[in-house]
């Protein structure tokens, strides 16, 4: 039996969100780090959905094209009816970094997909696409047009300077993206399928679909399921793609409870978002330590001392949260993520925590790659858009609980809530908060 659904995520935080979405809908799903492992797992016939996590969002076009050429044949070999290229719900990308078109075209060609559908919103995370324009909620719940969003408009690597996703994608090379706006959904999925078929008859290759509210996804999902019977299509978008196609049934079992964590939490906040900054500020159960990005990059004696300090706290049963002390230079993005991944690996390899918590997509991708993890499974939801997951590997990281969260998601008390799941841990003393 082939899987119903296959997805390739352009970072690790979004990958775990899609994994959680599929698991909540009752599908047996697993996320892999290597395409060969994903293909082998799919061949067993025991999984409904198979995912692949990649660092494509942080890559330049030449490197991204090569990576997609390497993995696309395996994604096609999975034989899933639906293949999803999972991107960030805020669409943050650019012609130079995380170019969606460059890898999307390679994947579509390899799959033999005649149509690429782009789903432009995820209301469950406060993302809405209206008449092709993307809006996103900030940490205070206020919704902004994405090019006026207080964080995403000034993202240090891929600032969102255009709200119209057709224009945004045109800059990346898709110059004729069509639009089906949300007013088309009122007539139901059968009518929407007719609209889609008419576009396909005119040889439209890429089409953006609005998502203004949750109800839009049900109509979209039913229409795409019908279209997908006769045609090979590629789906691009956030976890709303999975939400559209697989919705929990009324008879679904209760969501799994959060389990106790056997040891302290080690966290690293690589995200520079205001949301994450507030979460760090509210982390009262943690020893919060600051590190300069230049020190992480040079891996100097101060970073060695910081590693030793983190390990000492963890061995003493105390939670530790490391944060970047200042905004890094955008040019250092990939190098900083890689150096951060090495730092995290050295800390947790010698002083395994009860849970690893990472904020930031690029940081999460680099860290998980360094840890030698083979695959990831869903445990339970910690917060909206923040699942607790489990690592699977052939090394000491096997069964390690983790959260890999995007910078924009989760409530202010997220870290303390996670720490509250730990057993046999200690509270930090007041003089240990100087790193804030």
Protein backbone atom coordinates (compact mmCIF):
# COMPACT_ATOMS: atom_id res chain seq x y z
CA UNK A 1 0.00 0.00 0.00
CA UNK A 2 1.42 3.38 -0.99
CA UNK A 3 1.02 6.40 1.29
CA UNK A 4 -1.91 8.73 0.66
CA UNK A 5 0.20 11.83 1.15
CA UNK A 6 3.85 12.80 0.84
CA UNK A 7 5.34 16.13 1.81
CA UNK A 8 8.70 17.81 1.49
CA UNK A 9 9.17 20.70 3.92
CA UNK A 10 11.55 23.57 3.32
CA UNK A 11 12.47 23.75 7.02
CA UNK A 12 12.11 21.63 10.14
CA UNK A 13 9.69 23.73 12.19
CA UNK A 14 7.07 23.73 9.46
CA UNK A 15 7.73 20.04 8.86
CA UNK A 16 6.74 19.15 12.42
CA UNK A 17 3.61 21.31 12.14
CA UNK A 18 2.49 19.33 9.08
CA UNK A 19 3.39 16.08 10.84
CA UNK A 20 1.15 17.14 13.73
CA UNK A 21 -1.68 18.18 11.39
CA UNK A 22 -1.70 14.78 9.71
CA UNK A 23 -1.48 12.93 13.04
CA UNK A 24 -4.41 14.90 14.46
CA UNK A 25 -6.44 13.88 11.41
CA UNK A 26 -5.88 10.23 12.30
CA UNK A 27 -3.17 9.39 9.75
CA UNK A 28 -0.13 7.33 10.65
CA UNK A 29 2.68 9.72 9.73
CA UNK A 30 6.45 9.96 10.14
CA UNK A 31 8.93 12.67 9.20
CA UNK A 32 12.33 11.67 7.80
CA UNK A 33 15.60 13.49 7.27
CA UNK A 34 16.87 11.43 4.35
CA UNK A 35 14.90 10.57 1.23
CA UNK A 36 16.28 7.01 1.20
CA UNK A 37 14.79 6.40 4.65
CA UNK A 38 11.47 7.89 3.56
CA UNK A 39 11.31 5.62 0.51
CA UNK A 40 12.18 2.56 2.60
CA UNK A 41 9.51 3.42 5.17
CA UNK A 42 6.87 3.97 2.49
CA UNK A 43 7.62 0.58 0.96
CA UNK A 44 6.56 -1.12 4.19
CA UNK A 45 2.98 0.01 3.59
CA UNK A 46 2.44 0.91 7.24
CA UNK A 47 2.29 4.69 6.88
CA UNK A 48 -0.52 6.88 5.54
CA UNK A 49 1.77 9.88 5.18
CA UNK A 50 5.52 10.27 4.74
CA UNK A 51 7.40 13.53 5.11
CA UNK A 52 10.90 14.79 4.37
CA UNK A 53 12.44 17.72 6.26
CA UNK A 54 15.01 19.86 4.44
CA UNK A 55 16.81 23.21 4.89
CA UNK A 56 15.67 24.48 1.46
CA UNK A 57 14.21 27.71 2.87
CA UNK A 58 17.70 28.91 3.81
CA UNK A 59 19.46 27.90 0.60
CA UNK A 60 20.60 29.86 -2.44
CA UNK A 61 19.10 28.82 -5.82
CA UNK A 62 22.02 26.75 -7.12
CA UNK A 63 22.26 24.68 -3.95
CA UNK A 64 18.49 24.39 -3.65
CA UNK A 65 18.13 23.18 -7.23
CA UNK A 66 20.76 20.51 -6.67
CA UNK A 67 19.11 19.33 -3.47
CA UNK A 68 15.72 19.09 -5.14
CA UNK A 69 17.19 17.20 -8.09
CA UNK A 70 18.62 14.73 -5.58
CA UNK A 71 15.39 14.18 -3.63
CA UNK A 72 12.62 14.67 -6.24
CA UNK A 73 13.00 11.19 -7.81
CA UNK A 74 12.55 9.64 -4.37
CA UNK A 75 9.48 11.77 -3.68
CA UNK A 76 8.01 10.55 -6.96
CA UNK A 77 8.90 6.96 -6.05
CA UNK A 78 6.78 7.21 -2.90
CA UNK A 79 3.74 6.91 -5.18
CA UNK A 80 1.49 9.13 -3.07
CA UNK A 81 -1.66 10.53 -4.66
CA UNK A 82 -0.84 13.98 -3.28
CA UNK A 83 2.63 15.51 -3.01
CA UNK A 84 3.00 18.70 -1.00
CA UNK A 85 5.96 21.09 -1.03
CA UNK A 86 5.52 22.60 2.41
CA UNK A 87 6.64 26.22 2.79
CA UNK A 88 6.35 28.76 5.60
CA UNK A 89 2.85 30.11 6.22
CA UNK A 90 4.24 33.65 5.82
CA UNK A 91 5.77 32.79 2.41
CA UNK A 92 9.02 34.49 3.47
CA UNK A 93 11.39 33.80 0.60
CA UNK A 94 13.23 35.72 -2.08
CA UNK A 95 14.83 35.28 -5.50
CA UNK A 96 18.20 34.78 -3.76
CA UNK A 97 17.23 32.70 -0.68
CA UNK A 98 14.51 30.05 -0.42
CA UNK A 99 13.28 30.63 -3.98
CA UNK A 100 10.00 28.70 -4.21
CA UNK A 101 9.80 28.66 -8.00
CA UNK A 102 13.28 27.20 -8.50
CA UNK A 103 12.57 24.02 -6.55
CA UNK A 104 8.85 23.89 -7.31
CA UNK A 105 9.45 23.58 -11.04
CA UNK A 106 11.95 20.74 -10.58
CA UNK A 107 9.59 18.83 -8.31
CA UNK A 108 6.61 19.34 -10.62
CA UNK A 109 8.59 18.17 -13.64
CA UNK A 110 9.89 15.08 -11.85
CA UNK A 111 6.41 14.16 -10.62
CA UNK A 112 4.91 14.74 -14.05
CA UNK A 113 2.52 17.25 -12.50
CA UNK A 114 0.64 19.30 -15.06
CA UNK A 115 -0.61 21.80 -12.50
CA UNK A 116 0.87 23.48 -9.42
CA UNK A 117 -1.66 24.79 -6.91
CA UNK A 118 -0.51 27.28 -4.28
CA UNK A 119 -2.68 27.51 -1.16
CA UNK A 120 -2.18 30.94 0.30
CA UNK A 121 -3.22 30.98 3.94
CA UNK A 122 -3.51 29.07 7.21
CA UNK A 123 -6.24 30.58 9.40
CA UNK A 124 -5.40 28.21 12.27
CA UNK A 125 -2.15 30.17 12.62
CA UNK A 126 -3.63 33.57 11.85
CA UNK A 127 -2.61 33.61 8.16
CA UNK A 128 -5.22 34.78 5.64
CA UNK A 129 -5.02 35.25 1.88
CA UNK A 130 -7.65 37.59 0.40
CA UNK A 131 -7.72 38.49 -3.30
CA UNK A 132 -4.18 37.16 -3.50
CA UNK A 133 -2.84 39.33 -0.68
CA UNK A 134 -1.39 37.69 2.43
CA UNK A 135 -2.17 38.88 5.95
CA UNK A 136 -0.69 37.52 9.19
CA UNK A 137 -1.35 37.99 12.87
CA UNK A 138 1.45 39.38 15.02
CA UNK A 139 2.22 38.25 18.55
CA UNK A 140 -0.47 40.52 20.01
CA UNK A 141 -3.11 39.01 17.72
CA UNK A 142 -3.40 42.08 15.48
CA UNK A 143 -3.53 41.08 11.80
CA UNK A 144 -1.24 42.95 9.40
CA UNK A 145 -0.72 42.87 5.67
CA UNK A 146 2.45 40.82 5.37
CA UNK A 147 4.53 43.68 3.93
CA UNK A 148 3.54 45.78 6.98
CA UNK A 149 3.92 43.00 9.54
CA UNK A 150 6.16 44.18 12.41
CA UNK A 151 8.41 41.11 12.13
CA UNK A 152 8.06 39.62 8.66
CA UNK A 153 8.47 42.92 6.81
CA UNK A 154 11.90 43.32 8.44
CA UNK A 155 12.96 39.66 8.51
CA UNK A 156 16.79 39.69 8.65
CA UNK A 157 17.21 37.30 5.70
CA UNK A 158 13.98 37.24 3.66
CA UNK A 159 11.94 40.37 4.45
CA UNK A 160 8.45 40.31 2.97
CA UNK A 161 8.24 43.43 0.84
CA UNK A 162 5.19 42.46 -1.24
CA UNK A 163 1.79 41.28 0.04
CA UNK A 164 0.36 40.21 -3.33
CA UNK A 165 1.63 36.64 -3.55
CA UNK A 166 1.36 36.65 -7.34
CA UNK A 167 3.82 39.54 -7.51
CA UNK A 168 5.96 37.99 -4.78
CA UNK A 169 6.23 34.75 -6.77
CA UNK A 170 6.70 36.63 -10.05
CA UNK A 171 9.90 38.08 -8.61
CA UNK A 172 11.06 34.49 -8.10
CA UNK A 173 10.28 33.55 -11.70
CA UNK A 174 6.60 32.54 -11.87
CA UNK A 175 5.30 35.44 -13.92
CA UNK A 176 1.81 34.12 -14.77
CA UNK A 177 0.33 32.74 -11.56
CA UNK A 178 -3.45 32.69 -11.79
CA UNK A 179 -5.78 33.45 -8.88
CA UNK A 180 -8.99 31.85 -7.66
CA UNK A 181 -10.23 34.16 -4.94
CA UNK A 182 -12.31 33.23 -1.90
CA UNK A 183 -15.61 34.37 -3.44
CA UNK A 184 -15.49 31.27 -5.67
CA UNK A 185 -15.98 28.94 -2.71
CA UNK A 186 -19.54 29.93 -1.81
CA UNK A 187 -20.95 27.70 -4.57
CA UNK A 188 -19.24 24.62 -3.12
CA UNK A 189 -16.55 22.13 -4.21
CA UNK A 190 -18.25 20.90 -7.40
CA UNK A 191 -18.37 24.43 -8.79
CA UNK A 192 -14.81 25.05 -7.68
CA UNK A 193 -13.69 21.94 -9.53
CA UNK A 194 -15.33 23.27 -12.69
CA UNK A 195 -13.45 26.54 -12.25
CA UNK A 196 -10.18 24.64 -11.81
CA UNK A 197 -10.83 22.42 -14.84
CA UNK A 198 -11.48 25.49 -16.95
CA UNK A 199 -8.12 26.93 -15.88
CA UNK A 200 -6.40 23.65 -16.72
CA UNK A 201 -8.08 23.54 -20.13
CA UNK A 202 -6.48 26.93 -20.77
CA UNK A 203 -3.10 25.40 -19.79
CA UNK A 204 -2.68 27.49 -16.65
CA UNK A 205 0.38 26.03 -14.95
CA UNK A 206 0.33 27.70 -11.51
CA UNK A 207 -2.73 28.89 -9.62
CA UNK A 208 -2.97 30.64 -6.26
CA UNK A 209 -6.01 29.83 -4.12
CA UNK A 210 -7.18 32.28 -1.47
CA UNK A 211 -7.83 31.05 2.07
CA UNK A 212 -9.73 33.68 4.02
CA UNK A 213 -11.24 31.47 6.75
CA UNK A 214 -11.20 27.87 7.96
CA UNK A 215 -14.31 26.95 6.01
CA UNK A 216 -12.54 27.71 2.73
CA UNK A 217 -10.20 24.78 3.31
CA UNK A 218 -13.01 22.21 3.33
CA UNK A 219 -14.23 23.39 -0.07
CA UNK A 220 -10.69 23.50 -1.46
CA UNK A 221 -9.86 20.05 -0.10
CA UNK A 222 -12.94 18.40 -1.59
CA UNK A 223 -12.34 20.02 -4.98
CA UNK A 224 -8.65 19.07 -5.06
CA UNK A 225 -9.41 15.50 -4.02
CA UNK A 226 -11.71 15.27 -7.03
CA UNK A 227 -9.29 16.91 -9.44
CA UNK A 228 -6.45 14.73 -8.15
CA UNK A 229 -8.18 11.54 -9.23
CA UNK A 230 -7.56 12.22 -12.92
CA UNK A 231 -4.58 14.58 -12.88
CA UNK A 232 -1.16 14.71 -11.28
CA UNK A 233 -0.86 17.92 -9.27
CA UNK A 234 1.74 19.49 -7.00
CA UNK A 235 0.50 21.33 -3.92
CA UNK A 236 2.49 24.21 -2.42
CA UNK A 237 1.66 25.97 0.81
CA UNK A 238 1.71 25.75 4.58
CA UNK A 239 0.17 23.01 6.73
CA UNK A 240 -3.19 24.27 5.49
CA UNK A 241 -2.66 21.92 2.52
CA UNK A 242 -2.89 18.95 4.89
CA UNK A 243 -5.75 20.64 6.78
CA UNK A 244 -7.70 20.92 3.54
CA UNK A 245 -7.25 17.30 2.46
CA UNK A 246 -7.43 15.52 5.82
CA UNK A 247 -9.85 16.77 8.45
CA UNK A 248 -10.45 15.05 11.80
CA UNK A 249 -13.67 13.04 11.78
CA UNK A 250 -16.45 13.55 14.30
CA UNK A 251 -15.58 10.14 15.77
CA UNK A 252 -11.91 10.93 16.17
CA UNK A 253 -10.36 9.93 19.48
CA UNK A 254 -9.36 12.53 22.04
CA UNK A 255 -5.99 14.20 21.36
CA UNK A 256 -3.05 12.58 23.14
CA UNK A 257 -2.07 14.02 26.50
CA UNK A 258 1.30 15.63 27.06
CA UNK A 259 3.60 13.14 28.79
CA UNK A 260 6.00 13.91 31.65
CA UNK A 261 9.54 14.78 30.62
CA UNK A 262 12.30 12.87 32.35
CA UNK A 263 14.76 15.65 32.93
CA UNK A 264 15.35 19.37 32.39
CA UNK A 265 14.70 21.30 29.19
CA UNK A 266 17.51 22.74 27.09
CA UNK A 267 16.32 25.54 24.83
CA UNK A 268 17.93 27.74 22.20
CA UNK A 269 16.18 30.81 20.80
CA UNK A 270 17.67 31.51 17.40
CA UNK A 271 14.59 33.35 16.14
CA UNK A 272 14.68 37.15 16.25
CA UNK A 273 10.90 37.58 16.28
CA UNK A 274 9.08 39.67 18.88
CA UNK A 275 6.94 36.64 19.73
CA UNK A 276 9.98 34.58 20.64
CA UNK A 277 11.51 37.51 22.56
CA UNK A 278 8.37 37.68 24.72
CA UNK A 279 8.49 33.92 25.28
CA UNK A 280 12.11 34.16 26.42
CA UNK A 281 11.27 37.07 28.73
CA UNK A 282 8.52 34.99 30.38
CA UNK A 283 10.73 31.91 30.87
CA UNK A 284 10.90 32.19 34.66
CA UNK A 285 11.74 28.51 35.21
CA UNK A 286 14.95 28.74 33.17
CA UNK A 287 18.51 29.86 33.57
CA UNK A 288 18.49 32.30 30.64
CA UNK A 289 21.92 32.86 29.12
CA UNK A 290 22.86 35.22 26.29
CA UNK A 291 25.39 34.58 23.54
CA UNK A 292 26.74 36.95 20.91
CA UNK A 293 26.26 35.76 17.31
CA UNK A 294 29.90 36.56 16.51
CA UNK A 295 31.02 34.29 19.34
CA UNK A 296 28.85 31.45 18.03
CA UNK A 297 30.28 31.96 14.54
CA UNK A 298 33.90 31.96 15.72
CA UNK A 299 33.26 29.12 18.22
CA UNK A 300 35.69 30.81 20.60
CA UNK A 301 36.55 30.29 24.26
CA UNK A 302 33.42 32.16 25.41
CA UNK A 303 31.27 29.64 23.57
CA UNK A 304 33.21 26.77 25.14
CA UNK A 305 32.59 28.30 28.58
CA UNK A 306 28.90 28.74 27.74
CA UNK A 307 28.66 25.08 26.69
CA UNK A 308 30.21 23.99 29.97
CA UNK A 309 27.81 26.22 31.91
CA UNK A 310 24.80 24.81 30.08
CA UNK A 311 25.90 21.26 30.73
CA UNK A 312 26.49 21.97 34.42
CA UNK A 313 22.95 23.34 34.80
CA UNK A 314 21.45 20.38 32.96
CA UNK A 315 23.37 17.86 35.05
CA UNK A 316 22.10 19.65 38.14
CA UNK A 317 18.54 19.18 36.91
CA UNK A 318 18.03 22.84 35.95
CA UNK A 319 16.37 24.16 32.77
CA UNK A 320 18.58 26.23 30.47
CA UNK A 321 17.56 28.64 27.69
CA UNK A 322 20.21 30.28 25.50
CA UNK A 323 19.29 33.32 23.42
CA UNK A 324 21.15 35.36 20.83
CA UNK A 325 22.14 38.69 22.36
CA UNK A 326 21.74 40.83 19.23
CA UNK A 327 20.43 40.70 15.69
CA UNK A 328 22.94 38.89 13.47
CA UNK A 329 24.06 40.17 10.10
CA UNK A 330 21.78 38.76 7.40
CA UNK A 331 24.84 37.60 5.44
CA UNK A 332 25.71 35.26 8.30
CA UNK A 333 22.37 33.43 8.15
CA UNK A 334 23.37 29.93 7.03
CA UNK A 335 26.79 30.05 8.69
CA UNK A 336 25.24 31.15 11.99
CA UNK A 337 22.58 28.43 11.82
CA UNK A 338 25.25 25.78 11.18
CA UNK A 339 27.47 27.02 14.03
CA UNK A 340 24.44 27.11 16.33
CA UNK A 341 23.58 23.56 15.34
CA UNK A 342 27.08 22.43 16.28
CA UNK A 343 26.82 24.21 19.64
CA UNK A 344 23.48 22.61 20.46
CA UNK A 345 24.80 19.19 19.45
CA UNK A 346 27.80 19.51 21.77
CA UNK A 347 25.63 20.54 24.70
CA UNK A 348 23.02 17.80 24.43
CA UNK A 349 25.40 15.02 23.36
CA UNK A 350 27.33 15.27 26.63
CA UNK A 351 24.45 16.24 28.93
CA UNK A 352 21.27 14.81 27.45
CA UNK A 353 18.25 16.87 28.54
CA UNK A 354 14.70 15.70 29.11
CA UNK A 355 13.63 17.79 26.11
CA UNK A 356 15.25 19.95 23.45
CA UNK A 357 13.40 23.15 22.53
CA UNK A 358 14.52 25.26 19.57
CA UNK A 359 12.94 28.49 18.32
CA UNK A 360 13.72 29.43 14.72
CA UNK A 361 13.40 27.56 11.45
CA UNK A 362 16.99 27.78 10.24
CA UNK A 363 18.34 27.04 13.74
CA UNK A 364 16.07 23.99 14.08
CA UNK A 365 17.09 22.62 10.68
CA UNK A 366 20.80 22.96 11.40
CA UNK A 367 20.55 21.51 14.91
CA UNK A 368 18.54 18.44 13.93
CA UNK A 369 20.94 17.69 11.08
CA UNK A 370 23.89 17.86 13.49
CA UNK A 371 22.22 15.52 15.99
CA UNK A 372 22.17 12.58 13.61
CA UNK A 373 18.43 12.03 13.91
CA UNK A 374 16.84 9.64 11.40
CA UNK A 375 13.13 10.47 11.77
CA UNK A 376 10.58 12.29 13.90
CA UNK A 377 7.15 11.27 15.17
CA UNK A 378 4.32 13.25 16.76
CA UNK A 379 3.66 13.03 20.52
CA UNK A 380 1.08 15.71 21.38
CA UNK A 381 0.27 19.39 20.89
CA UNK A 382 2.01 21.76 23.30
CA UNK A 383 0.52 24.94 21.83
CA UNK A 384 -1.04 26.16 18.61
CA UNK A 385 1.47 25.41 15.87
CA UNK A 386 3.94 23.96 18.39
CA UNK A 387 3.85 20.15 18.60
CA UNK A 388 5.90 18.06 20.97
CA UNK A 389 7.69 15.45 18.83
CA UNK A 390 10.04 12.52 19.40
CA UNK A 391 13.40 11.91 17.74
CA UNK A 392 14.28 8.47 16.39
CA UNK A 393 17.91 7.60 15.75
CA UNK A 394 20.57 4.96 16.11
CA UNK A 395 22.54 7.10 18.55
CA UNK A 396 22.07 8.60 22.02
CA UNK A 397 19.40 10.99 20.74
CA UNK A 398 16.88 8.18 20.24
CA UNK A 399 13.50 8.96 21.87
CA UNK A 400 14.54 12.53 22.75
CA UNK A 401 11.42 14.75 23.02
CA UNK A 402 11.71 18.02 21.10
CA UNK A 403 9.86 21.12 20.08
CA UNK A 404 11.01 22.82 16.87
CA UNK A 405 9.00 26.01 16.68
CA UNK A 406 8.83 28.85 14.22
CA UNK A 407 9.57 32.30 15.57
CA UNK A 408 6.01 33.56 15.15
CA UNK A 409 4.07 30.80 16.92
CA UNK A 410 3.19 29.87 20.49
CA UNK A 411 1.93 31.76 23.53
CA UNK A 412 4.06 33.86 25.88
CA UNK A 413 4.26 31.13 28.52
CA UNK A 414 5.37 28.43 26.08
CA UNK A 415 8.78 27.67 27.59
CA UNK A 416 7.54 27.60 31.18
CA UNK A 417 4.67 25.36 30.18
CA UNK A 418 7.15 22.94 28.64
CA UNK A 419 9.35 23.09 31.74
CA UNK A 420 6.31 22.31 33.86
CA UNK A 421 6.13 18.85 32.26
CA UNK A 422 9.55 17.92 33.62
CA UNK A 423 9.96 15.80 36.71
CA UNK A 424 12.82 15.95 39.24
CA UNK A 425 14.05 19.38 38.17
CA UNK A 426 15.14 22.45 40.13
CA UNK A 427 14.20 26.12 39.98
CA UNK A 428 17.01 28.55 39.07
CA UNK A 429 18.26 30.88 41.77
CA UNK A 430 17.62 34.66 41.30
CA UNK A 431 21.26 35.46 40.52
CA UNK A 432 21.17 33.17 37.49
CA UNK A 433 19.02 35.50 35.39
CA UNK A 434 21.70 38.00 34.40
CA UNK A 435 21.70 36.71 30.85
CA UNK A 436 18.29 38.21 30.13
